[in-house]
């Protein structure tokens, strides 16, 4: 029995010694450690059937506001028709308008607003003129025209604040001229007075 146990111990020691020897013996190589796996690269995009790479997505450019355009300034509005000389039913307005026309040496509008209609018709009927414009041309061509207009302006300036003397039917008004302008002998003057007449509701220089 003792011999059997001894044999088992010897066999166990021999097995352990062989195992140790095989590990430490020269030329024995341990299995290399398995390297860590690296991540695989992402697969490249497959080419299209035509061999042309697909177009890159485009980005819309921002929309810019339209550039400002320098517009020409608006044309000035034409003068109102009321600014033009008109026939006057009020004697004070007739004198005030006449003074402004005389200052401007506007003979055409003086004829249109101050010359009585029958005097205009008489000149046309006599062949002296064919129109109101012709009458204005006739008077402006006279050598004394500028002097007469200056004197008439002075006369009207001197009487514009006076109260006129009216005839019975108020169709004629007369003003006494100032001594400083009493030498005026042009249209409307007589005996140191200047006269206006009313025809069809409007005042004219007599």
N, C-alpha and C. Protein backbone atom coordinates (compact mmCIF):
# COMPACT_ATOMS: atom_id res chain seq x y z
N UNK A 1 0.83 -1.20 0.00
CA UNK A 1 0.00 0.00 0.00
C UNK A 1 0.86 1.24 0.00
N UNK A 2 1.90 1.22 0.82
CA UNK A 2 2.80 2.34 0.85
C UNK A 2 3.49 2.49 -0.46
N UNK A 3 3.82 1.41 -1.11
CA UNK A 3 4.49 1.50 -2.41
C UNK A 3 3.58 2.12 -3.46
N UNK A 4 2.31 1.82 -3.38
CA UNK A 4 1.37 2.37 -4.38
C UNK A 4 1.25 3.89 -4.23
N UNK A 5 1.18 4.38 -3.01
CA UNK A 5 1.10 5.82 -2.78
C UNK A 5 2.38 6.51 -3.23
N UNK A 6 3.47 5.86 -3.00
CA UNK A 6 4.75 6.43 -3.41
C UNK A 6 4.82 6.56 -4.92
N UNK A 7 4.30 5.54 -5.59
CA UNK A 7 4.31 5.58 -7.07
C UNK A 7 3.46 6.74 -7.56
N UNK A 8 2.31 6.95 -6.94
CA UNK A 8 1.41 8.04 -7.39
C UNK A 8 2.09 9.38 -7.18
N UNK A 9 2.78 9.56 -6.05
CA UNK A 9 3.46 10.83 -5.77
C UNK A 9 4.56 11.07 -6.78
N UNK A 10 5.31 10.02 -7.11
CA UNK A 10 6.41 10.17 -8.08
C UNK A 10 5.87 10.55 -9.44
N UNK A 11 4.77 9.87 -9.83
CA UNK A 11 4.18 10.19 -11.16
C UNK A 11 3.70 11.64 -11.19
N UNK A 12 3.10 12.12 -10.10
CA UNK A 12 2.60 13.50 -10.07
C UNK A 12 3.74 14.50 -10.15
N UNK A 13 4.88 14.16 -9.45
CA UNK A 13 6.03 15.06 -9.50
C UNK A 13 6.65 15.09 -10.87
N UNK A 14 6.71 13.93 -11.50
CA UNK A 14 7.28 13.87 -12.85
C UNK A 14 6.42 14.68 -13.82
N UNK A 15 5.09 14.58 -13.70
CA UNK A 15 4.21 15.34 -14.62
C UNK A 15 4.35 16.82 -14.42
N UNK A 16 4.48 17.23 -13.14
CA UNK A 16 4.62 18.68 -12.90
C UNK A 16 5.95 19.17 -13.38
N UNK A 17 7.01 18.37 -13.19
CA UNK A 17 8.33 18.80 -13.66
C UNK A 17 8.39 18.87 -15.15
N UNK A 18 7.72 17.98 -15.88
CA UNK A 18 7.72 18.02 -17.34
C UNK A 18 7.01 19.26 -17.84
N UNK A 19 5.93 19.54 -17.17
CA UNK A 19 5.18 20.72 -17.61
C UNK A 19 5.99 21.98 -17.42
N UNK A 20 6.68 22.11 -16.32
CA UNK A 20 7.53 23.28 -16.09
C UNK A 20 8.65 23.35 -17.07
N UNK A 21 9.25 22.21 -17.42
CA UNK A 21 10.39 22.18 -18.33
C UNK A 21 9.99 22.63 -19.72
N UNK A 22 8.80 22.15 -20.14
CA UNK A 22 8.35 22.52 -21.50
C UNK A 22 8.07 24.02 -21.60
N UNK A 23 7.68 24.67 -20.52
CA UNK A 23 7.41 26.11 -20.56
C UNK A 23 8.69 26.92 -20.58
N UNK A 24 9.68 26.47 -19.79
CA UNK A 24 10.90 27.27 -19.70
C UNK A 24 11.96 26.84 -20.67
N UNK A 25 11.71 25.82 -21.46
CA UNK A 25 12.73 25.33 -22.39
C UNK A 25 12.93 26.36 -23.49
N UNK A 26 14.24 26.51 -23.98
CA UNK A 26 14.50 27.46 -25.09
C UNK A 26 13.81 27.02 -26.36
N UNK A 27 13.34 27.99 -27.18
CA UNK A 27 12.66 27.69 -28.44
C UNK A 27 11.18 27.62 -28.27
N UNK A 28 10.76 27.58 -27.02
CA UNK A 28 9.31 27.58 -26.85
C UNK A 28 8.78 28.99 -27.07
N UNK A 29 7.78 29.17 -27.88
CA UNK A 29 7.24 30.50 -28.27
C UNK A 29 5.79 30.57 -27.84
N UNK A 30 5.52 31.63 -27.12
CA UNK A 30 4.12 31.84 -26.75
C UNK A 30 3.35 32.42 -27.93
N UNK A 31 2.11 32.12 -28.03
CA UNK A 31 1.25 32.61 -29.13
C UNK A 31 1.16 34.14 -29.04
N UNK A 32 1.41 34.82 -30.14
CA UNK A 32 1.36 36.29 -30.10
C UNK A 32 -0.03 36.81 -29.77
N UNK A 33 -0.02 37.96 -29.09
CA UNK A 33 -1.32 38.57 -28.76
C UNK A 33 -2.00 39.07 -30.01
N UNK A 34 -3.25 38.84 -30.05
CA UNK A 34 -4.05 39.24 -31.22
C UNK A 34 -4.17 40.77 -31.25
N UNK A 35 -3.75 41.40 -32.40
CA UNK A 35 -3.82 42.88 -32.45
C UNK A 35 -5.26 43.38 -32.41
N UNK A 36 -5.38 44.63 -31.87
CA UNK A 36 -6.73 45.22 -31.81
C UNK A 36 -7.20 45.58 -33.20
N UNK A 37 -8.44 45.36 -33.43
CA UNK A 37 -9.02 45.64 -34.75
C UNK A 37 -9.20 47.15 -34.93
N UNK A 38 -8.77 47.64 -36.11
CA UNK A 38 -8.97 49.05 -36.45
C UNK A 38 -10.31 49.21 -37.15
N UNK A 39 -10.99 50.40 -36.97
CA UNK A 39 -12.30 50.57 -37.66
C UNK A 39 -12.13 50.63 -39.16
N UNK A 40 -13.03 49.99 -39.84
CA UNK A 40 -13.00 49.96 -41.31
C UNK A 40 -13.44 51.32 -41.85
N UNK A 41 -12.75 51.80 -42.93
CA UNK A 41 -13.18 53.09 -43.52
C UNK A 41 -14.55 52.98 -44.14
N UNK A 42 -15.24 54.15 -44.17
CA UNK A 42 -16.57 54.16 -44.77
C UNK A 42 -16.46 53.88 -46.25
N UNK A 43 -17.38 53.10 -46.78
CA UNK A 43 -17.32 52.76 -48.21
C UNK A 43 -17.48 54.01 -49.07
N UNK A 44 -16.70 54.10 -50.15
CA UNK A 44 -16.80 55.23 -51.09
C UNK A 44 -18.13 55.16 -51.81
N UNK A 45 -18.68 56.37 -52.17
CA UNK A 45 -19.97 56.34 -52.89
C UNK A 45 -19.81 55.66 -54.24
N UNK A 46 -20.81 54.89 -54.55
CA UNK A 46 -20.79 54.17 -55.82
C UNK A 46 -20.98 55.13 -56.97
N UNK A 47 -20.19 54.96 -58.04
CA UNK A 47 -20.39 55.82 -59.22
C UNK A 47 -21.73 55.53 -59.86
N UNK A 48 -22.27 56.58 -60.52
CA UNK A 48 -23.54 56.38 -61.20
C UNK A 48 -23.33 55.53 -62.44
N UNK A 49 -24.44 55.10 -62.99
CA UNK A 49 -24.37 54.21 -64.15
C UNK A 49 -23.69 54.90 -65.32
N UNK A 50 -23.74 56.24 -65.40
CA UNK A 50 -23.13 56.94 -66.54
C UNK A 50 -21.66 57.25 -66.30
N UNK A 51 -21.16 56.98 -65.09
CA UNK A 51 -19.76 57.27 -64.78
C UNK A 51 -19.51 58.70 -64.40
N UNK A 52 -20.59 59.52 -64.27
CA UNK A 52 -20.45 60.94 -63.91
C UNK A 52 -20.85 61.10 -62.46
N UNK A 53 -20.02 61.79 -61.72
CA UNK A 53 -20.29 61.97 -60.30
C UNK A 53 -21.58 62.78 -60.14
N UNK A 54 -22.40 62.44 -59.17
CA UNK A 54 -23.65 63.20 -58.96
C UNK A 54 -23.35 64.64 -58.61
N UNK A 55 -24.19 65.59 -59.07
CA UNK A 55 -23.92 67.02 -58.80
C UNK A 55 -24.03 67.33 -57.32
N UNK A 56 -23.21 68.32 -56.94
CA UNK A 56 -23.25 68.76 -55.55
C UNK A 56 -24.50 69.61 -55.32
N UNK A 57 -25.07 69.53 -54.15
CA UNK A 57 -26.27 70.33 -53.89
C UNK A 57 -25.93 71.82 -53.95
N UNK A 58 -26.81 72.58 -54.59
CA UNK A 58 -26.59 74.02 -54.73
C UNK A 58 -27.35 74.77 -53.64
N UNK A 59 -26.82 75.96 -53.32
CA UNK A 59 -27.45 76.81 -52.31
C UNK A 59 -27.92 78.07 -53.01
N UNK A 60 -29.19 78.39 -52.86
CA UNK A 60 -29.74 79.58 -53.51
C UNK A 60 -29.10 80.84 -52.94
N UNK A 61 -28.68 81.74 -53.86
CA UNK A 61 -28.09 83.02 -53.42
C UNK A 61 -29.18 83.89 -52.82
N UNK A 62 -28.85 84.69 -51.81
CA UNK A 62 -29.89 85.56 -51.21
C UNK A 62 -30.39 86.59 -52.20
N UNK A 63 -31.68 86.85 -52.15
CA UNK A 63 -32.29 87.82 -53.05
C UNK A 63 -32.05 89.22 -52.54
N UNK A 64 -31.41 90.07 -53.36
CA UNK A 64 -31.10 91.45 -52.97
C UNK A 64 -32.22 92.38 -53.41
N UNK A 65 -32.52 93.41 -52.63
CA UNK A 65 -33.55 94.35 -53.07
C UNK A 65 -33.09 95.12 -54.29
N UNK A 66 -34.04 95.51 -55.16
CA UNK A 66 -33.64 96.24 -56.37
C UNK A 66 -32.99 97.56 -56.03
N UNK A 67 -32.00 97.92 -56.84
CA UNK A 67 -31.28 99.18 -56.61
C UNK A 67 -32.21 100.36 -56.82
N UNK A 68 -32.02 101.38 -56.01
CA UNK A 68 -32.86 102.57 -56.13
C UNK A 68 -32.55 103.31 -57.43
N UNK A 69 -33.60 103.79 -58.08
CA UNK A 69 -33.44 104.50 -59.34
C UNK A 69 -33.71 105.98 -59.09
N UNK A 70 -32.77 106.80 -59.52
CA UNK A 70 -32.94 108.25 -59.35
C UNK A 70 -33.96 108.75 -60.36
N UNK A 71 -35.17 109.03 -59.88
CA UNK A 71 -36.20 109.53 -60.77
C UNK A 71 -36.10 111.04 -60.89
N UNK A 72 -36.41 111.57 -62.08
CA UNK A 72 -36.35 113.02 -62.25
C UNK A 72 -37.39 113.70 -61.37
N UNK A 73 -37.11 114.88 -60.86
CA UNK A 73 -38.10 115.58 -60.04
C UNK A 73 -39.33 115.91 -60.84
N UNK A 74 -40.49 115.92 -60.19
CA UNK A 74 -41.72 116.22 -60.92
C UNK A 74 -41.69 117.62 -61.50
N UNK A 75 -42.31 117.76 -62.65
CA UNK A 75 -42.36 119.07 -63.30
C UNK A 75 -43.23 120.02 -62.48
N UNK A 76 -42.87 121.30 -62.41
CA UNK A 76 -43.70 122.24 -61.64
C UNK A 76 -45.08 122.37 -62.22
N UNK A 77 -46.07 122.55 -61.36
CA UNK A 77 -47.45 122.67 -61.82
C UNK A 77 -47.63 123.98 -62.56
N UNK A 78 -48.43 123.98 -63.64
CA UNK A 78 -48.65 125.23 -64.38
C UNK A 78 -49.41 126.23 -63.52
N UNK A 79 -49.22 127.48 -63.83
CA UNK A 79 -49.90 128.54 -63.08
C UNK A 79 -51.40 128.40 -63.21
N UNK A 80 -52.10 128.68 -62.14
CA UNK A 80 -53.56 128.56 -62.16
C UNK A 80 -54.15 129.59 -63.12
N UNK A 81 -55.27 129.20 -63.74
CA UNK A 81 -55.90 130.08 -64.71
C UNK A 81 -56.36 131.37 -64.05
N UNK A 82 -56.65 131.30 -62.72
CA UNK A 82 -57.13 132.49 -62.03
C UNK A 82 -56.05 133.57 -61.92
N UNK A 83 -54.76 133.19 -62.15
CA UNK A 83 -53.67 134.16 -62.07
C UNK A 83 -53.66 135.10 -63.28
N UNK A 84 -54.32 134.68 -64.37
CA UNK A 84 -54.35 135.51 -65.58
C UNK A 84 -55.30 136.69 -65.36
N UNK A 85 -55.02 137.84 -65.99
CA UNK A 85 -55.91 138.99 -65.85
C UNK A 85 -57.32 138.64 -66.31
N UNK A 86 -58.31 139.14 -65.59
CA UNK A 86 -59.71 138.87 -65.91
C UNK A 86 -60.49 140.17 -65.92
N UNK A 87 -61.64 140.15 -66.58
CA UNK A 87 -62.54 141.29 -66.52
C UNK A 87 -63.04 141.42 -65.09
N UNK A 88 -63.17 142.65 -64.62
CA UNK A 88 -63.50 142.89 -63.23
C UNK A 88 -64.87 143.56 -63.09
N UNK A 89 -65.69 142.97 -62.19
CA UNK A 89 -67.00 143.55 -61.90
C UNK A 89 -66.93 144.53 -60.72
N UNK A 90 -65.79 144.52 -60.02
CA UNK A 90 -65.58 145.43 -58.89
C UNK A 90 -64.58 146.50 -59.32
N UNK A 91 -64.93 147.77 -59.10
CA UNK A 91 -64.10 148.87 -59.58
C UNK A 91 -62.75 148.91 -58.87
N UNK A 92 -62.72 148.65 -57.57
CA UNK A 92 -61.45 148.64 -56.84
C UNK A 92 -60.51 147.55 -57.39
N UNK A 93 -61.09 146.38 -57.67
CA UNK A 93 -60.28 145.29 -58.23
C UNK A 93 -59.77 145.65 -59.63
N UNK A 94 -60.60 146.34 -60.39
CA UNK A 94 -60.20 146.76 -61.74
C UNK A 94 -58.99 147.69 -61.67
N UNK A 95 -59.01 148.64 -60.75
CA UNK A 95 -57.89 149.58 -60.62
C UNK A 95 -56.64 148.85 -60.13
N UNK A 96 -56.78 147.97 -59.13
CA UNK A 96 -55.62 147.24 -58.59
C UNK A 96 -54.98 146.36 -59.67
N UNK A 97 -55.80 145.67 -60.46
CA UNK A 97 -55.27 144.83 -61.53
C UNK A 97 -54.59 145.67 -62.59
N UNK A 98 -55.16 146.80 -62.92
CA UNK A 98 -54.58 147.68 -63.95
C UNK A 98 -53.21 148.19 -63.53
N UNK A 99 -53.06 148.51 -62.25
CA UNK A 99 -51.75 148.98 -61.76
C UNK A 99 -50.69 147.90 -61.95
N UNK A 100 -51.03 146.65 -61.64
CA UNK A 100 -50.06 145.56 -61.81
C UNK A 100 -49.69 145.35 -63.27
N UNK A 101 -50.66 145.44 -64.16
CA UNK A 101 -50.37 145.28 -65.59
C UNK A 101 -49.51 146.43 -66.11
N UNK A 102 -49.74 147.63 -65.60
CA UNK A 102 -48.93 148.78 -66.01
C UNK A 102 -47.49 148.64 -65.52
N UNK A 103 -47.33 148.12 -64.30
CA UNK A 103 -45.98 147.88 -63.80
C UNK A 103 -45.23 146.90 -64.69
N UNK A 104 -45.94 145.88 -65.17
CA UNK A 104 -45.32 144.84 -66.02
C UNK A 104 -45.21 145.28 -67.48
N UNK A 105 -45.75 146.45 -67.82
CA UNK A 105 -45.77 146.95 -69.22
C UNK A 105 -46.42 145.91 -70.15
N UNK A 106 -47.50 145.30 -69.62
CA UNK A 106 -48.21 144.25 -70.36
C UNK A 106 -49.33 144.88 -71.18
N UNK A 107 -48.98 145.37 -72.37
CA UNK A 107 -49.95 146.10 -73.19
C UNK A 107 -51.07 145.18 -73.67
N UNK A 108 -50.77 143.95 -74.04
CA UNK A 108 -51.80 143.05 -74.55
C UNK A 108 -52.91 142.84 -73.52
N UNK A 109 -52.53 142.53 -72.28
CA UNK A 109 -53.57 142.29 -71.26
C UNK A 109 -54.23 143.59 -70.81
N UNK A 110 -53.54 144.71 -70.94
CA UNK A 110 -54.19 145.99 -70.67
C UNK A 110 -55.32 146.23 -71.68
N UNK A 111 -55.05 145.96 -72.94
CA UNK A 111 -56.08 146.11 -73.97
C UNK A 111 -57.25 145.17 -73.71
N UNK A 112 -56.94 143.89 -73.34
CA UNK A 112 -58.00 142.90 -73.12
C UNK A 112 -58.89 143.26 -71.93
N UNK A 113 -58.32 143.87 -70.89
CA UNK A 113 -59.09 144.10 -69.66
C UNK A 113 -59.55 145.54 -69.47
N UNK A 114 -58.94 146.50 -70.15
CA UNK A 114 -59.30 147.90 -69.92
C UNK A 114 -60.00 148.57 -71.11
N UNK A 115 -59.81 148.06 -72.32
CA UNK A 115 -60.40 148.72 -73.51
C UNK A 115 -61.86 148.28 -73.67
N UNK A 116 -62.80 149.21 -73.70
CA UNK A 116 -64.22 148.85 -73.84
C UNK A 116 -64.48 148.04 -75.10
N UNK A 117 -65.43 147.10 -75.05
CA UNK A 117 -65.71 146.25 -76.22
C UNK A 117 -66.06 147.04 -77.47
N UNK A 118 -66.84 148.15 -77.33
CA UNK A 118 -67.21 148.90 -78.53
C UNK A 118 -66.01 149.57 -79.17
N UNK A 119 -65.00 150.01 -78.36
CA UNK A 119 -63.79 150.61 -78.91
C UNK A 119 -62.98 149.56 -79.67
N UNK A 120 -62.94 148.34 -79.15
CA UNK A 120 -62.24 147.25 -79.85
C UNK A 120 -62.90 146.98 -81.18
N UNK A 121 -64.23 146.88 -81.19
CA UNK A 121 -64.95 146.60 -82.43
C UNK A 121 -64.81 147.72 -83.45
N UNK A 122 -64.76 148.96 -82.98
CA UNK A 122 -64.60 150.10 -83.90
C UNK A 122 -63.25 150.04 -84.61
N UNK A 123 -62.18 149.69 -83.90
CA UNK A 123 -60.86 149.61 -84.52
C UNK A 123 -60.81 148.47 -85.54
N UNK A 124 -61.44 147.35 -85.20
CA UNK A 124 -61.44 146.21 -86.14
C UNK A 124 -62.29 146.55 -87.36
N UNK A 125 -63.46 147.18 -87.13
CA UNK A 125 -64.36 147.53 -88.24
C UNK A 125 -63.73 148.56 -89.16
N UNK A 126 -62.91 149.47 -88.62
CA UNK A 126 -62.29 150.52 -89.44
C UNK A 126 -61.08 150.01 -90.21
N UNK A 127 -60.66 148.79 -89.92
CA UNK A 127 -59.50 148.23 -90.62
C UNK A 127 -58.18 148.55 -89.96
N UNK A 128 -58.20 149.23 -88.81
CA UNK A 128 -56.95 149.55 -88.12
C UNK A 128 -56.28 148.30 -87.53
N UNK A 129 -57.11 147.30 -87.24
CA UNK A 129 -56.59 146.05 -86.65
C UNK A 129 -57.53 144.91 -86.99
N UNK A 130 -57.00 143.69 -86.93
CA UNK A 130 -57.83 142.52 -87.22
C UNK A 130 -58.16 141.74 -85.95
N UNK A 131 -57.49 142.06 -84.85
CA UNK A 131 -57.71 141.32 -83.60
C UNK A 131 -57.22 142.18 -82.43
N UNK A 132 -57.47 141.68 -81.22
CA UNK A 132 -56.99 142.36 -80.02
C UNK A 132 -55.47 142.40 -80.02
N UNK A 133 -54.83 141.33 -80.51
CA UNK A 133 -53.36 141.29 -80.57
C UNK A 133 -52.83 142.38 -81.50
N UNK A 134 -53.54 142.61 -82.60
CA UNK A 134 -53.13 143.68 -83.52
C UNK A 134 -53.24 145.05 -82.85
N UNK A 135 -54.29 145.22 -82.05
CA UNK A 135 -54.46 146.50 -81.35
C UNK A 135 -53.32 146.73 -80.36
N UNK A 136 -52.93 145.66 -79.64
CA UNK A 136 -51.82 145.77 -78.70
C UNK A 136 -50.52 146.10 -79.43
N UNK A 137 -50.32 145.50 -80.60
CA UNK A 137 -49.13 145.79 -81.40
C UNK A 137 -49.14 147.25 -81.87
N UNK A 138 -50.31 147.73 -82.23
CA UNK A 138 -50.45 149.12 -82.70
C UNK A 138 -50.05 150.10 -81.58
N UNK A 139 -50.59 149.90 -80.36
CA UNK A 139 -50.29 150.83 -79.27
C UNK A 139 -48.83 150.70 -78.80
N UNK A 140 -48.30 149.48 -78.77
CA UNK A 140 -46.91 149.32 -78.31
C UNK A 140 -45.91 149.92 -79.28
N UNK A 141 -46.33 150.09 -80.55
CA UNK A 141 -45.43 150.68 -81.54
C UNK A 141 -45.42 152.19 -81.53
N UNK A 142 -46.28 152.81 -80.79
CA UNK A 142 -46.32 154.27 -80.73
C UNK A 142 -45.19 154.78 -79.83
N UNK A 143 -44.51 155.85 -80.21
CA UNK A 143 -43.34 156.32 -79.45
C UNK A 143 -43.66 156.76 -78.03
N UNK A 144 -44.89 157.22 -77.80
CA UNK A 144 -45.24 157.71 -76.46
C UNK A 144 -45.80 156.60 -75.56
N UNK A 145 -45.78 155.33 -76.01
CA UNK A 145 -46.44 154.25 -75.28
C UNK A 145 -45.88 154.11 -73.86
N UNK A 146 -44.57 154.08 -73.71
CA UNK A 146 -43.95 153.87 -72.39
C UNK A 146 -44.30 155.03 -71.45
N UNK A 147 -44.27 156.27 -71.97
CA UNK A 147 -44.57 157.44 -71.13
C UNK A 147 -46.03 157.43 -70.69
N UNK A 148 -46.94 157.06 -71.60
CA UNK A 148 -48.37 157.02 -71.27
C UNK A 148 -48.64 156.00 -70.18
N UNK A 149 -48.01 154.82 -70.28
CA UNK A 149 -48.24 153.78 -69.26
C UNK A 149 -47.71 154.22 -67.90
N UNK A 150 -46.56 154.89 -67.90
CA UNK A 150 -46.01 155.38 -66.62
C UNK A 150 -46.94 156.41 -65.99
N UNK A 151 -47.45 157.34 -66.80
CA UNK A 151 -48.36 158.38 -66.28
C UNK A 151 -49.67 157.78 -65.80
N UNK A 152 -50.22 156.82 -66.56
CA UNK A 152 -51.48 156.20 -66.15
C UNK A 152 -51.31 155.44 -64.83
N UNK A 153 -50.16 154.79 -64.66
CA UNK A 153 -49.90 154.09 -63.39
C UNK A 153 -49.90 155.08 -62.23
N UNK A 154 -49.28 156.25 -62.43
CA UNK A 154 -49.24 157.26 -61.37
C UNK A 154 -50.64 157.79 -61.06
N UNK A 155 -51.46 157.95 -62.11
CA UNK A 155 -52.83 158.43 -61.92
C UNK A 155 -53.63 157.43 -61.08
N UNK A 156 -53.55 156.16 -61.45
CA UNK A 156 -54.34 155.14 -60.73
C UNK A 156 -53.84 154.97 -59.30
N UNK A 157 -52.54 155.09 -59.10
CA UNK A 157 -52.00 155.02 -57.74
C UNK A 157 -52.56 156.15 -56.88
N UNK A 158 -52.76 157.33 -57.49
CA UNK A 158 -53.21 158.50 -56.73
C UNK A 158 -54.70 158.46 -56.43
N UNK A 159 -55.49 157.70 -57.20
CA UNK A 159 -56.95 157.72 -56.99
C UNK A 159 -57.48 156.42 -56.38
N UNK A 160 -56.63 155.42 -56.18
CA UNK A 160 -57.14 154.10 -55.77
C UNK A 160 -57.80 154.11 -54.40
N UNK A 161 -57.49 155.12 -53.57
CA UNK A 161 -58.11 155.19 -52.24
C UNK A 161 -59.28 156.18 -52.19
N UNK A 162 -59.56 156.84 -53.33
CA UNK A 162 -60.65 157.81 -53.37
C UNK A 162 -62.00 157.11 -53.53
N UNK A 163 -63.05 157.83 -53.18
CA UNK A 163 -64.41 157.38 -53.47
C UNK A 163 -64.85 158.05 -54.77
N UNK A 164 -65.17 157.26 -55.80
CA UNK A 164 -65.48 157.88 -57.09
C UNK A 164 -66.85 158.56 -57.09
N UNK A 165 -67.03 159.47 -58.02
CA UNK A 165 -68.34 160.09 -58.25
C UNK A 165 -69.04 159.27 -59.33
N UNK A 166 -70.25 158.79 -59.03
CA UNK A 166 -70.97 157.91 -59.94
C UNK A 166 -72.06 158.69 -60.68
N UNK A 167 -72.39 158.31 -61.89
CA UNK A 167 -73.51 158.89 -62.61
C UNK A 167 -74.82 158.27 -62.10
N UNK A 168 -75.98 158.75 -62.54
CA UNK A 168 -77.26 158.28 -61.97
C UNK A 168 -77.46 156.76 -62.04
N UNK A 169 -77.07 156.13 -63.10
CA UNK A 169 -77.31 154.68 -63.19
C UNK A 169 -76.08 153.85 -62.80
N UNK A 170 -75.07 154.51 -62.21
CA UNK A 170 -73.85 153.84 -61.73
C UNK A 170 -73.11 153.07 -62.83
N UNK A 171 -73.25 153.53 -64.07
CA UNK A 171 -72.53 152.89 -65.17
C UNK A 171 -71.24 153.62 -65.50
N UNK A 172 -71.02 154.77 -64.82
CA UNK A 172 -69.79 155.54 -65.04
C UNK A 172 -69.29 156.08 -63.71
N UNK A 173 -67.94 155.97 -63.54
CA UNK A 173 -67.31 156.47 -62.31
C UNK A 173 -66.19 157.41 -62.70
N UNK A 174 -66.06 158.50 -61.96
CA UNK A 174 -65.01 159.47 -62.25
C UNK A 174 -64.22 159.76 -60.98
N UNK A 175 -62.90 159.95 -61.18
CA UNK A 175 -61.99 160.29 -60.08
C UNK A 175 -61.28 161.59 -60.43
N UNK A 176 -61.11 162.46 -59.44
CA UNK A 176 -60.38 163.71 -59.63
C UNK A 176 -58.89 163.40 -59.55
N UNK A 177 -58.16 163.71 -60.62
CA UNK A 177 -56.73 163.43 -60.64
C UNK A 177 -55.97 164.40 -59.75
N UNK A 178 -54.93 163.93 -59.15
CA UNK A 178 -54.07 164.75 -58.31
C UNK A 178 -53.34 165.77 -59.18
N UNK A 179 -53.02 166.90 -58.59
CA UNK A 179 -52.36 167.96 -59.35
C UNK A 179 -51.02 167.52 -59.90
N UNK A 180 -50.36 166.57 -59.19
CA UNK A 180 -49.05 166.11 -59.65
C UNK A 180 -49.13 165.29 -60.93
N UNK A 181 -50.31 164.81 -61.26
CA UNK A 181 -50.46 164.00 -62.48
C UNK A 181 -51.55 164.57 -63.38
N UNK A 182 -51.90 165.83 -63.16
CA UNK A 182 -53.01 166.42 -63.92
C UNK A 182 -52.67 166.64 -65.39
N UNK A 183 -51.39 166.52 -65.74
CA UNK A 183 -51.02 166.71 -67.15
C UNK A 183 -51.23 165.44 -67.97
N UNK A 184 -51.74 164.37 -67.32
CA UNK A 184 -52.01 163.14 -68.07
C UNK A 184 -53.18 163.38 -69.02
N UNK A 185 -52.98 163.03 -70.28
CA UNK A 185 -54.03 163.24 -71.29
C UNK A 185 -54.29 161.97 -72.09
N UNK A 186 -53.94 160.82 -71.51
CA UNK A 186 -54.12 159.56 -72.20
C UNK A 186 -55.53 159.00 -72.07
N UNK A 187 -55.71 157.71 -72.39
CA UNK A 187 -57.04 157.09 -72.36
C UNK A 187 -57.72 157.27 -71.01
N UNK A 188 -59.04 157.59 -71.06
CA UNK A 188 -59.84 157.72 -69.85
C UNK A 188 -59.82 159.09 -69.22
N UNK A 189 -58.93 159.99 -69.67
CA UNK A 189 -58.81 161.30 -69.01
C UNK A 189 -59.66 162.34 -69.73
N UNK A 190 -60.17 163.28 -68.93
CA UNK A 190 -60.94 164.40 -69.48
C UNK A 190 -61.17 165.41 -68.37
N UNK A 191 -60.81 166.68 -68.66
CA UNK A 191 -61.08 167.79 -67.73
C UNK A 191 -60.51 167.53 -66.33
N UNK A 192 -59.31 166.98 -66.24
CA UNK A 192 -58.67 166.76 -64.95
C UNK A 192 -59.22 165.55 -64.20
N UNK A 193 -60.07 164.79 -64.85
CA UNK A 193 -60.63 163.58 -64.25
C UNK A 193 -60.21 162.35 -65.05
N UNK A 194 -60.34 161.18 -64.42
CA UNK A 194 -60.17 159.93 -65.14
C UNK A 194 -61.46 159.13 -64.96
N UNK A 195 -61.94 158.52 -66.05
CA UNK A 195 -63.26 157.91 -66.06
C UNK A 195 -63.19 156.39 -66.33
N UNK A 196 -64.09 155.68 -65.68
CA UNK A 196 -64.30 154.26 -65.94
C UNK A 196 -65.77 154.06 -66.31
N UNK A 197 -66.03 153.13 -67.22
CA UNK A 197 -67.40 152.81 -67.62
C UNK A 197 -67.67 151.33 -67.37
N UNK A 198 -68.94 151.05 -67.09
CA UNK A 198 -69.35 149.67 -66.83
C UNK A 198 -70.18 149.18 -68.00
N UNK A 199 -69.72 148.08 -68.63
CA UNK A 199 -70.40 147.52 -69.78
C UNK A 199 -70.63 146.03 -69.51
N UNK A 200 -71.92 145.65 -69.60
CA UNK A 200 -72.29 144.24 -69.36
C UNK A 200 -71.75 143.70 -68.03
N UNK A 201 -71.75 144.60 -67.04
CA UNK A 201 -71.36 144.19 -65.68
C UNK A 201 -69.87 144.28 -65.38
N UNK A 202 -69.02 144.72 -66.34
CA UNK A 202 -67.58 144.80 -66.12
C UNK A 202 -67.09 146.23 -66.33
N UNK A 203 -66.03 146.60 -65.55
CA UNK A 203 -65.49 147.95 -65.61
C UNK A 203 -64.32 148.02 -66.61
N UNK A 204 -64.34 149.11 -67.39
CA UNK A 204 -63.28 149.38 -68.36
C UNK A 204 -62.86 150.84 -68.21
N UNK A 205 -61.66 151.13 -68.75
CA UNK A 205 -61.20 152.53 -68.80
C UNK A 205 -61.92 153.21 -69.96
N UNK A 206 -62.54 154.35 -69.71
CA UNK A 206 -63.35 155.01 -70.74
C UNK A 206 -62.46 155.54 -71.88
